[in-house]
C-alpha cells in the first residue's frame, strides 16, 4: 500500500470518527422519559427509623422505644406516617425536627399532640398524612419538596416528648 493510500485511509477514518462526535443535542423524548423514569426509580420513597433514648442529644437512659414508618407518595405531594412506641409514659407531643444526627433542630411538622393531660402509650401513638400545609418552623411557607429533600439528606428526625423528658425522650433519624 502506498503512503498516499495510507494517508487517505487514515484521513477517512478520522473524518468518520469525527462525525460520530457531533454536537447535536437532539435526544429523542422517549430516551429522556426512560432516563427520568430510571432516575426516579432510584429515589427513595420509604423510610423507617428506630426511636431510642440513646439517640437523643444529650442521650438519656430511657427504656422506651419506638419506630417511625414514612411512605412518600409517588407524586411527592404528601407522605403517610405511622409512629409506634412502647414503654413510654406521659407523652405530650411528637414531631419531625430538622437537623442532622447528633444535633438538635426546630420543629418542622407535628405528628402528635399537644396531649393535655399526657398519655401513656404502648402501640400506635399516631398515624396520618402530612402535606405542604402542615409545614411549620423553618419550613413554614416552603415547598413540600424542601421537606422531602431534607428527609432524603438525613436531616429530619422524629422526636417524642414526655413530661420526664420535655426536650425528647426517644428520637430516630430518618
N, C-alpha and C. Protein backbone atom coordinates (compact mmCIF):
# COMPACT_ATOMS: atom_id res chain seq x y z
N UNK A 1 0.85 -1.16 0.00
CA UNK A 1 0.00 0.00 0.00
C UNK A 1 0.90 1.23 0.00
N UNK A 2 0.59 2.21 -0.85
CA UNK A 2 1.43 3.39 -0.95
C UNK A 2 1.14 4.35 0.19
N UNK A 3 2.09 5.23 0.43
CA UNK A 3 1.96 6.21 1.50
C UNK A 3 0.73 7.09 1.29
N UNK A 4 0.47 7.46 0.06
CA UNK A 4 -0.68 8.29 -0.26
C UNK A 4 -1.98 7.57 0.08
N UNK A 5 -2.03 6.28 -0.22
CA UNK A 5 -3.23 5.50 0.06
C UNK A 5 -3.41 5.32 1.58
N UNK A 6 -2.33 5.11 2.32
CA UNK A 6 -2.38 5.00 3.78
C UNK A 6 -2.86 6.32 4.37
N UNK A 7 -2.35 7.42 3.89
CA UNK A 7 -2.75 8.74 4.37
C UNK A 7 -4.24 8.96 4.12
N UNK A 8 -4.71 8.61 2.93
CA UNK A 8 -6.13 8.77 2.61
C UNK A 8 -6.99 7.90 3.52
N UNK A 9 -6.54 6.67 3.80
CA UNK A 9 -7.29 5.76 4.66
C UNK A 9 -7.38 6.31 6.08
N UNK A 10 -6.26 6.80 6.58
CA UNK A 10 -6.24 7.39 7.93
C UNK A 10 -7.13 8.62 7.98
N UNK A 11 -7.06 9.45 6.95
CA UNK A 11 -7.88 10.65 6.89
C UNK A 11 -9.37 10.27 6.86
N UNK A 12 -9.72 9.26 6.09
CA UNK A 12 -11.11 8.81 6.02
C UNK A 12 -11.59 8.29 7.38
N UNK A 13 -10.76 7.51 8.05
CA UNK A 13 -11.10 7.00 9.39
C UNK A 13 -11.29 8.17 10.36
N UNK A 14 -10.43 9.15 10.28
CA UNK A 14 -10.52 10.32 11.15
C UNK A 14 -11.83 11.07 10.92
N UNK A 15 -12.17 11.30 9.65
CA UNK A 15 -13.40 12.04 9.32
C UNK A 15 -14.63 11.29 9.81
N UNK A 16 -14.66 9.98 9.57
CA UNK A 16 -15.81 9.17 10.00
C UNK A 16 -15.92 9.19 11.53
N UNK A 17 -14.81 9.09 12.22
CA UNK A 17 -14.86 9.09 13.69
C UNK A 17 -15.29 10.46 14.21
N UNK A 18 -14.91 11.53 13.56
CA UNK A 18 -15.30 12.87 14.00
C UNK A 18 -16.80 13.10 13.77
N UNK A 19 -17.35 12.48 12.77
CA UNK A 19 -18.79 12.61 12.52
C UNK A 19 -19.58 12.01 13.68
N UNK A 20 -19.03 11.02 14.33
CA UNK A 20 -19.67 10.42 15.49
C UNK A 20 -19.62 11.32 16.71
N UNK A 21 -18.80 12.37 16.67
CA UNK A 21 -18.66 13.30 17.79
C UNK A 21 -19.48 14.55 17.57
N UNK A 22 -20.60 14.43 16.92
CA UNK A 22 -21.46 15.57 16.63
C UNK A 22 -21.90 16.26 17.92
N UNK A 23 -22.08 17.57 17.84
CA UNK A 23 -22.55 18.33 18.99
C UNK A 23 -24.07 18.47 18.98
N UNK A 24 -24.73 17.77 18.08
CA UNK A 24 -26.18 17.78 18.00
C UNK A 24 -26.75 17.22 19.30
N UNK A 25 -27.58 18.01 19.99
CA UNK A 25 -28.09 17.58 21.30
C UNK A 25 -29.55 17.15 21.26
N UNK A 26 -30.10 16.94 20.07
CA UNK A 26 -31.47 16.46 19.99
C UNK A 26 -31.53 15.01 20.45
N UNK A 27 -32.15 14.81 21.62
CA UNK A 27 -32.30 13.47 22.18
C UNK A 27 -33.78 13.12 22.07
N UNK A 28 -34.08 11.97 21.52
CA UNK A 28 -35.49 11.58 21.40
C UNK A 28 -36.19 11.62 22.75
N UNK A 29 -37.43 12.11 22.76
CA UNK A 29 -38.17 12.26 24.01
C UNK A 29 -38.35 10.94 24.73
N UNK A 30 -38.43 9.83 23.99
CA UNK A 30 -38.56 8.52 24.63
C UNK A 30 -37.34 8.22 25.50
N UNK A 31 -36.16 8.58 25.01
CA UNK A 31 -34.94 8.35 25.78
C UNK A 31 -34.92 9.22 27.03
N UNK A 32 -35.39 10.45 26.92
CA UNK A 32 -35.44 11.34 28.07
C UNK A 32 -36.40 10.78 29.11
N UNK A 33 -37.57 10.32 28.67
CA UNK A 33 -38.55 9.74 29.60
C UNK A 33 -38.00 8.49 30.27
N UNK A 34 -37.31 7.65 29.51
CA UNK A 34 -36.70 6.44 30.09
C UNK A 34 -35.66 6.82 31.14
N UNK A 35 -34.84 7.83 30.82
CA UNK A 35 -33.82 8.28 31.77
C UNK A 35 -34.47 8.81 33.04
N UNK A 36 -35.48 9.67 32.89
CA UNK A 36 -36.17 10.22 34.06
C UNK A 36 -36.80 9.12 34.90
N UNK A 37 -37.41 8.13 34.26
CA UNK A 37 -38.02 7.02 34.99
C UNK A 37 -36.95 6.22 35.73
N UNK A 38 -35.79 6.06 35.10
CA UNK A 38 -34.69 5.33 35.73
C UNK A 38 -34.19 6.06 36.97
N UNK A 39 -34.03 7.37 36.85
CA UNK A 39 -33.59 8.18 38.00
C UNK A 39 -34.64 8.13 39.10
N UNK A 40 -35.91 8.31 38.74
CA UNK A 40 -37.00 8.29 39.72
C UNK A 40 -37.07 6.95 40.45
N UNK A 41 -36.77 5.86 39.74
CA UNK A 41 -36.85 4.54 40.38
C UNK A 41 -35.77 4.37 41.45
N UNK A 42 -34.73 5.18 41.40
CA UNK A 42 -33.65 5.09 42.38
C UNK A 42 -33.88 6.03 43.57
N UNK A 43 -34.89 6.90 43.47
CA UNK A 43 -35.22 7.81 44.55
C UNK A 43 -35.96 7.04 45.63
N UNK A 44 -35.59 7.30 46.87
CA UNK A 44 -36.17 6.57 48.00
C UNK A 44 -37.52 7.17 48.39
N UNK A 45 -38.53 6.29 48.57
CA UNK A 45 -39.87 6.71 48.95
C UNK A 45 -40.30 6.19 50.31
N UNK A 46 -39.61 5.21 50.86
CA UNK A 46 -39.98 4.60 52.14
C UNK A 46 -38.82 4.73 53.13
N UNK A 47 -39.16 5.14 54.35
CA UNK A 47 -38.16 5.33 55.39
C UNK A 47 -38.67 4.73 56.69
N UNK A 48 -37.78 4.15 57.47
CA UNK A 48 -38.10 3.71 58.83
C UNK A 48 -36.94 4.12 59.73
N UNK A 49 -37.26 4.32 60.98
CA UNK A 49 -36.21 4.63 61.94
C UNK A 49 -36.62 4.08 63.30
N UNK A 50 -35.64 3.63 64.05
CA UNK A 50 -35.85 3.18 65.43
C UNK A 50 -35.65 4.36 66.36
N UNK A 51 -36.57 4.54 67.27
CA UNK A 51 -36.50 5.63 68.24
C UNK A 51 -36.01 5.08 69.57
N UNK A 52 -34.96 5.74 70.11
CA UNK A 52 -34.37 5.33 71.39
C UNK A 52 -33.91 6.56 72.15
N UNK A 53 -33.81 6.41 73.45
CA UNK A 53 -33.28 7.49 74.28
C UNK A 53 -31.82 7.78 73.98
N UNK A 54 -31.08 6.76 73.59
CA UNK A 54 -29.67 6.94 73.26
C UNK A 54 -29.43 7.80 72.04
N UNK A 55 -30.48 8.00 71.21
CA UNK A 55 -30.35 8.86 70.02
C UNK A 55 -30.58 10.33 70.35
N UNK A 56 -31.10 10.60 71.54
CA UNK A 56 -31.37 11.99 71.92
C UNK A 56 -30.05 12.74 72.10
N UNK A 57 -30.13 14.08 72.03
CA UNK A 57 -28.97 14.93 72.26
C UNK A 57 -29.33 15.90 73.37
N UNK A 58 -28.81 15.69 74.61
CA UNK A 58 -27.93 14.60 75.02
C UNK A 58 -28.72 13.29 75.17
N UNK A 59 -27.99 12.20 75.10
CA UNK A 59 -28.60 10.86 75.24
C UNK A 59 -29.18 10.69 76.63
N UNK A 60 -30.21 9.84 76.73
CA UNK A 60 -30.78 9.51 78.04
C UNK A 60 -30.90 8.00 78.16
N UNK A 61 -31.22 7.53 79.36
CA UNK A 61 -31.26 6.08 79.61
C UNK A 61 -32.69 5.53 79.62
N UNK A 62 -33.60 6.19 78.93
CA UNK A 62 -34.99 5.74 78.89
C UNK A 62 -35.08 4.32 78.34
N UNK A 63 -35.99 3.56 78.91
CA UNK A 63 -36.26 2.19 78.44
C UNK A 63 -37.31 2.19 77.33
N UNK A 64 -37.86 3.36 77.01
CA UNK A 64 -38.85 3.47 75.95
C UNK A 64 -38.20 3.21 74.59
N UNK A 65 -39.01 2.80 73.65
CA UNK A 65 -38.53 2.55 72.29
C UNK A 65 -39.66 2.87 71.32
N UNK A 66 -39.32 2.97 70.06
CA UNK A 66 -40.35 3.23 69.07
C UNK A 66 -39.83 3.03 67.67
N UNK A 67 -40.76 3.15 66.74
CA UNK A 67 -40.41 3.06 65.32
C UNK A 67 -41.31 4.02 64.56
N UNK A 68 -40.72 4.71 63.61
CA UNK A 68 -41.48 5.58 62.71
C UNK A 68 -41.38 5.00 61.31
N UNK A 69 -42.51 4.94 60.64
CA UNK A 69 -42.57 4.43 59.27
C UNK A 69 -43.12 5.56 58.40
N UNK A 70 -42.37 5.90 57.35
CA UNK A 70 -42.73 7.01 56.48
C UNK A 70 -42.83 6.49 55.05
N UNK A 71 -43.92 6.83 54.36
CA UNK A 71 -44.11 6.47 52.96
C UNK A 71 -44.46 7.73 52.18
N UNK A 72 -43.59 8.10 51.26
CA UNK A 72 -43.80 9.28 50.43
C UNK A 72 -44.64 8.88 49.22
N UNK A 73 -45.63 9.70 48.88
CA UNK A 73 -46.47 9.41 47.71
C UNK A 73 -45.64 9.47 46.44
N UNK A 74 -46.05 8.71 45.44
CA UNK A 74 -45.30 8.67 44.16
C UNK A 74 -45.25 10.04 43.50
N UNK A 75 -46.30 10.85 43.67
CA UNK A 75 -46.28 12.18 43.08
C UNK A 75 -45.61 13.21 43.99
N UNK A 76 -45.14 12.75 45.15
CA UNK A 76 -44.38 13.56 46.10
C UNK A 76 -45.14 14.79 46.60
N UNK A 77 -46.46 14.66 46.76
CA UNK A 77 -47.26 15.78 47.27
C UNK A 77 -47.70 15.57 48.72
N UNK A 78 -47.48 14.37 49.25
CA UNK A 78 -47.80 14.09 50.65
C UNK A 78 -46.99 12.89 51.12
N UNK A 79 -46.98 12.69 52.42
CA UNK A 79 -46.40 11.46 52.97
C UNK A 79 -47.34 10.93 54.04
N UNK A 80 -47.29 9.62 54.20
CA UNK A 80 -48.05 8.95 55.25
C UNK A 80 -47.07 8.51 56.33
N UNK A 81 -47.50 8.57 57.58
CA UNK A 81 -46.61 8.16 58.67
C UNK A 81 -47.37 7.32 59.68
N UNK A 82 -46.61 6.49 60.35
CA UNK A 82 -47.12 5.73 61.50
C UNK A 82 -46.03 5.77 62.55
N UNK A 83 -46.40 6.13 63.76
CA UNK A 83 -45.47 6.24 64.87
C UNK A 83 -45.90 5.26 65.95
N UNK A 84 -45.05 4.26 66.21
CA UNK A 84 -45.34 3.19 67.16
C UNK A 84 -44.35 3.31 68.32
N UNK A 85 -44.86 3.25 69.55
CA UNK A 85 -43.99 3.38 70.72
C UNK A 85 -44.30 2.29 71.74
N UNK A 86 -43.34 2.05 72.63
CA UNK A 86 -43.51 1.06 73.70
C UNK A 86 -42.81 1.55 74.95
N UNK A 87 -43.39 1.20 76.10
CA UNK A 87 -42.78 1.50 77.40
C UNK A 87 -42.55 2.99 77.61
N UNK A 88 -43.49 3.80 77.20
CA UNK A 88 -43.33 5.24 77.35
C UNK A 88 -44.56 5.81 78.05
N UNK A 89 -44.32 6.67 79.03
CA UNK A 89 -45.39 7.26 79.82
C UNK A 89 -45.41 8.78 79.66
N UNK A 90 -46.57 9.35 79.90
CA UNK A 90 -46.75 10.80 79.93
C UNK A 90 -46.30 11.49 78.64
N UNK A 91 -46.72 10.94 77.50
CA UNK A 91 -46.38 11.54 76.20
C UNK A 91 -47.16 12.83 76.03
N UNK A 92 -46.45 13.88 75.65
CA UNK A 92 -47.07 15.19 75.42
C UNK A 92 -47.24 15.48 73.94
N UNK A 93 -46.20 15.15 73.13
CA UNK A 93 -46.23 15.51 71.72
C UNK A 93 -45.14 14.77 70.96
N UNK A 94 -45.25 14.80 69.64
CA UNK A 94 -44.23 14.21 68.77
C UNK A 94 -44.17 15.03 67.48
N UNK A 95 -42.97 15.14 66.94
CA UNK A 95 -42.76 15.99 65.76
C UNK A 95 -41.69 15.41 64.84
N UNK A 96 -41.61 16.02 63.64
CA UNK A 96 -40.40 15.98 62.82
C UNK A 96 -39.62 17.23 63.20
N UNK A 97 -38.34 17.04 63.44
CA UNK A 97 -37.42 18.16 63.66
C UNK A 97 -36.40 18.15 62.52
N UNK A 98 -35.84 19.32 62.22
CA UNK A 98 -34.85 19.39 61.15
C UNK A 98 -33.46 19.67 61.71
N UNK A 99 -32.59 18.66 61.61
CA UNK A 99 -31.18 18.78 62.00
C UNK A 99 -30.52 17.44 61.67
N UNK A 100 -29.22 17.48 61.40
CA UNK A 100 -28.52 16.21 61.18
C UNK A 100 -28.38 15.43 62.49
N UNK A 101 -28.04 14.17 62.38
CA UNK A 101 -27.81 13.33 63.56
C UNK A 101 -26.78 14.00 64.46
N UNK A 102 -27.00 13.91 65.77
CA UNK A 102 -26.05 14.47 66.72
C UNK A 102 -26.28 15.91 67.08
N UNK A 103 -27.27 16.55 66.45
CA UNK A 103 -27.59 17.94 66.79
C UNK A 103 -29.11 18.07 66.94
N UNK A 104 -29.52 19.11 67.64
CA UNK A 104 -30.94 19.38 67.82
C UNK A 104 -31.39 20.45 66.84
N UNK A 105 -32.63 20.35 66.41
CA UNK A 105 -33.18 21.33 65.47
C UNK A 105 -34.63 21.63 65.80
N UNK A 106 -35.16 22.61 65.11
CA UNK A 106 -36.52 23.04 65.36
C UNK A 106 -37.57 22.13 64.75
N UNK A 107 -38.79 22.28 65.23
CA UNK A 107 -39.94 21.52 64.74
C UNK A 107 -40.27 21.99 63.32
N UNK A 108 -40.52 21.02 62.41
CA UNK A 108 -40.95 21.37 61.06
C UNK A 108 -42.34 20.82 60.74
N UNK A 109 -42.84 19.87 61.52
CA UNK A 109 -44.23 19.45 61.42
C UNK A 109 -44.62 18.63 62.64
N UNK A 110 -45.87 18.68 63.00
CA UNK A 110 -46.39 17.94 64.15
C UNK A 110 -46.84 16.56 63.72
N UNK A 111 -46.61 15.58 64.58
CA UNK A 111 -47.10 14.22 64.37
C UNK A 111 -48.17 13.87 65.39
N UNK A 112 -48.01 14.41 66.61
CA UNK A 112 -48.94 14.11 67.70
C UNK A 112 -48.90 15.22 68.73
N UNK A 113 -50.07 15.52 69.32
CA UNK A 113 -50.13 16.39 70.48
C UNK A 113 -50.73 17.73 70.13
N UNK A 114 -50.75 18.44 71.05
CA UNK A 114 -50.30 18.56 72.42
C UNK A 114 -51.30 17.87 73.34
N UNK A 115 -50.90 16.76 73.95
CA UNK A 115 -51.78 15.98 74.81
C UNK A 115 -51.83 16.60 76.20
N UNK A 116 -53.03 16.96 76.62
CA UNK A 116 -53.21 17.52 77.96
C UNK A 116 -54.49 16.93 78.54
N UNK A 117 -54.44 15.98 79.43
CA UNK A 117 -53.23 15.51 80.10
C UNK A 117 -52.41 14.58 79.21
N UNK A 118 -51.13 14.41 79.55
CA UNK A 118 -50.26 13.49 78.82
C UNK A 118 -50.82 12.07 78.87
N UNK A 119 -50.42 11.24 77.91
CA UNK A 119 -50.95 9.88 77.85
C UNK A 119 -49.84 8.84 77.93
N UNK A 120 -50.21 7.66 78.40
CA UNK A 120 -49.30 6.50 78.40
C UNK A 120 -49.65 5.68 77.16
N UNK A 121 -48.64 5.24 76.43
CA UNK A 121 -48.89 4.55 75.17
C UNK A 121 -48.01 3.32 75.06
N UNK A 122 -48.60 2.27 74.53
CA UNK A 122 -47.88 1.05 74.19
C UNK A 122 -48.51 0.55 72.89
N UNK A 123 -48.05 1.06 71.76
CA UNK A 123 -48.64 0.74 70.47
C UNK A 123 -48.56 1.95 69.56
N UNK A 124 -49.58 2.11 68.72
CA UNK A 124 -49.58 3.23 67.77
C UNK A 124 -49.87 4.53 68.51
N UNK A 125 -48.91 5.43 68.48
CA UNK A 125 -49.10 6.75 69.08
C UNK A 125 -49.82 7.67 68.10
N UNK A 126 -49.43 7.61 66.84
CA UNK A 126 -50.03 8.49 65.84
C UNK A 126 -49.83 7.92 64.45
N UNK A 127 -50.76 8.25 63.57
CA UNK A 127 -50.60 7.95 62.16
C UNK A 127 -51.41 8.98 61.40
N UNK A 128 -50.95 9.28 60.19
CA UNK A 128 -51.65 10.29 59.42
C UNK A 128 -50.93 10.64 58.14
N UNK A 129 -51.32 11.79 57.62
CA UNK A 129 -50.80 12.30 56.35
C UNK A 129 -50.24 13.70 56.59
N UNK A 130 -49.11 13.98 55.98
CA UNK A 130 -48.51 15.31 56.05
C UNK A 130 -48.46 15.87 54.64
N UNK A 131 -48.89 17.12 54.50
CA UNK A 131 -48.82 17.83 53.22
C UNK A 131 -48.07 19.15 53.44
N UNK A 132 -47.91 19.88 52.37
CA UNK A 132 -47.22 21.17 52.44
C UNK A 132 -47.88 22.11 53.46
N UNK A 133 -49.20 22.03 53.60
CA UNK A 133 -49.91 22.90 54.54
C UNK A 133 -49.56 22.62 56.00
N UNK A 134 -48.98 21.46 56.29
CA UNK A 134 -48.64 21.09 57.66
C UNK A 134 -47.25 21.56 58.09
N UNK A 135 -46.49 22.12 57.17
CA UNK A 135 -45.12 22.53 57.50
C UNK A 135 -45.13 23.76 58.39
N UNK A 136 -44.18 23.78 59.33
CA UNK A 136 -44.08 24.88 60.29
C UNK A 136 -42.60 25.18 60.55
N UNK A 137 -42.35 26.13 61.41
CA UNK A 137 -40.96 26.45 61.78
C UNK A 137 -40.13 26.84 60.57
N UNK A 138 -38.95 26.27 60.46
CA UNK A 138 -38.03 26.61 59.37
C UNK A 138 -38.59 26.28 58.00
N UNK A 139 -39.58 25.38 57.92
CA UNK A 139 -40.16 25.01 56.62
C UNK A 139 -41.53 25.66 56.37
N UNK A 140 -41.98 26.51 57.29
CA UNK A 140 -43.27 27.18 57.06
C UNK A 140 -43.18 28.03 55.80
N UNK A 141 -44.14 27.85 54.90
CA UNK A 141 -44.13 28.58 53.64
C UNK A 141 -43.24 27.97 52.57
N UNK A 142 -42.49 26.94 52.93
CA UNK A 142 -41.61 26.26 51.97
C UNK A 142 -42.42 25.25 51.16
N UNK A 143 -41.80 24.71 50.15
CA UNK A 143 -42.47 23.68 49.35
C UNK A 143 -42.34 22.32 50.04
N UNK A 144 -43.24 21.42 49.70
CA UNK A 144 -43.18 20.07 50.26
C UNK A 144 -41.89 19.39 49.84
N UNK A 145 -41.40 19.73 48.65
CA UNK A 145 -40.14 19.17 48.16
C UNK A 145 -38.99 19.50 49.11
N UNK A 146 -39.03 20.65 49.77
CA UNK A 146 -37.98 21.01 50.73
C UNK A 146 -37.95 20.02 51.89
N UNK A 147 -39.13 19.61 52.37
CA UNK A 147 -39.18 18.59 53.42
C UNK A 147 -38.63 17.27 52.90
N UNK A 148 -39.06 16.87 51.70
CA UNK A 148 -38.59 15.60 51.13
C UNK A 148 -37.08 15.61 50.92
N UNK A 149 -36.55 16.73 50.46
CA UNK A 149 -35.09 16.83 50.28
C UNK A 149 -34.37 16.68 51.61
N UNK A 150 -34.92 17.28 52.66
CA UNK A 150 -34.31 17.18 53.99
C UNK A 150 -34.38 15.75 54.52
N UNK A 151 -35.50 15.07 54.29
CA UNK A 151 -35.62 13.67 54.71
C UNK A 151 -34.59 12.83 53.99
N UNK A 152 -34.51 12.97 52.68
CA UNK A 152 -33.60 12.15 51.87
C UNK A 152 -32.14 12.46 52.17
N UNK A 153 -31.86 13.66 52.66
CA UNK A 153 -30.49 14.03 53.03
C UNK A 153 -30.14 13.59 54.45
N UNK A 154 -31.10 13.01 55.18
CA UNK A 154 -30.85 12.58 56.55
C UNK A 154 -30.91 13.70 57.57
N UNK A 155 -31.61 14.78 57.22
CA UNK A 155 -31.67 15.95 58.10
C UNK A 155 -33.00 16.12 58.83
N UNK A 156 -33.80 15.06 58.88
CA UNK A 156 -35.05 15.10 59.63
C UNK A 156 -35.03 13.97 60.66
N UNK A 157 -35.44 14.28 61.88
CA UNK A 157 -35.57 13.23 62.89
C UNK A 157 -36.95 13.30 63.53
N UNK A 158 -37.37 12.15 64.05
CA UNK A 158 -38.64 12.03 64.76
C UNK A 158 -38.32 12.11 66.25
N UNK A 159 -39.08 12.92 66.98
CA UNK A 159 -38.83 13.11 68.40
C UNK A 159 -40.14 13.00 69.17
N UNK A 160 -40.15 12.19 70.24
CA UNK A 160 -41.32 12.03 71.10
C UNK A 160 -41.00 12.67 72.44
N UNK A 161 -41.81 13.65 72.83
CA UNK A 161 -41.59 14.43 74.06
C UNK A 161 -42.51 13.94 75.18
N UNK A 162 -41.99 13.90 76.39
CA UNK A 162 -42.76 13.46 77.56
C UNK A 162 -42.58 14.45 78.71
N UNK A 163 -43.32 14.21 79.78
CA UNK A 163 -43.18 15.05 80.98
C UNK A 163 -41.76 14.93 81.54
N UNK A 164 -41.24 13.69 81.66
CA UNK A 164 -39.90 13.49 82.23
C UNK A 164 -38.79 14.00 81.31
N UNK A 165 -39.02 13.98 80.00
CA UNK A 165 -38.02 14.42 79.03
C UNK A 165 -38.67 15.42 78.07
N UNK A 166 -38.85 16.67 78.52
CA UNK A 166 -39.55 17.65 77.68
C UNK A 166 -38.82 17.97 76.37
N UNK A 167 -37.51 17.80 76.34
CA UNK A 167 -36.76 18.01 75.11
C UNK A 167 -36.81 16.82 74.18
N UNK A 168 -37.34 15.71 74.65
CA UNK A 168 -37.46 14.50 73.85
C UNK A 168 -36.97 13.29 74.62
N UNK A 169 -37.81 12.25 74.68
CA UNK A 169 -37.43 11.02 75.37
C UNK A 169 -36.84 10.00 74.41
N UNK A 170 -37.42 9.90 73.21
CA UNK A 170 -36.87 8.98 72.20
C UNK A 170 -36.81 9.70 70.86
N UNK A 171 -35.80 9.32 70.09
CA UNK A 171 -35.53 10.00 68.82
C UNK A 171 -35.00 9.00 67.82
N UNK A 172 -35.33 9.26 66.55
CA UNK A 172 -34.78 8.46 65.45
C UNK A 172 -34.59 9.31 64.22
N UNK A 173 -33.43 9.20 63.60
CA UNK A 173 -33.11 9.97 62.40
C UNK A 173 -33.65 9.25 61.17
N UNK A 174 -34.34 9.99 60.32
CA UNK A 174 -34.85 9.38 59.07
C UNK A 174 -33.74 9.31 58.03
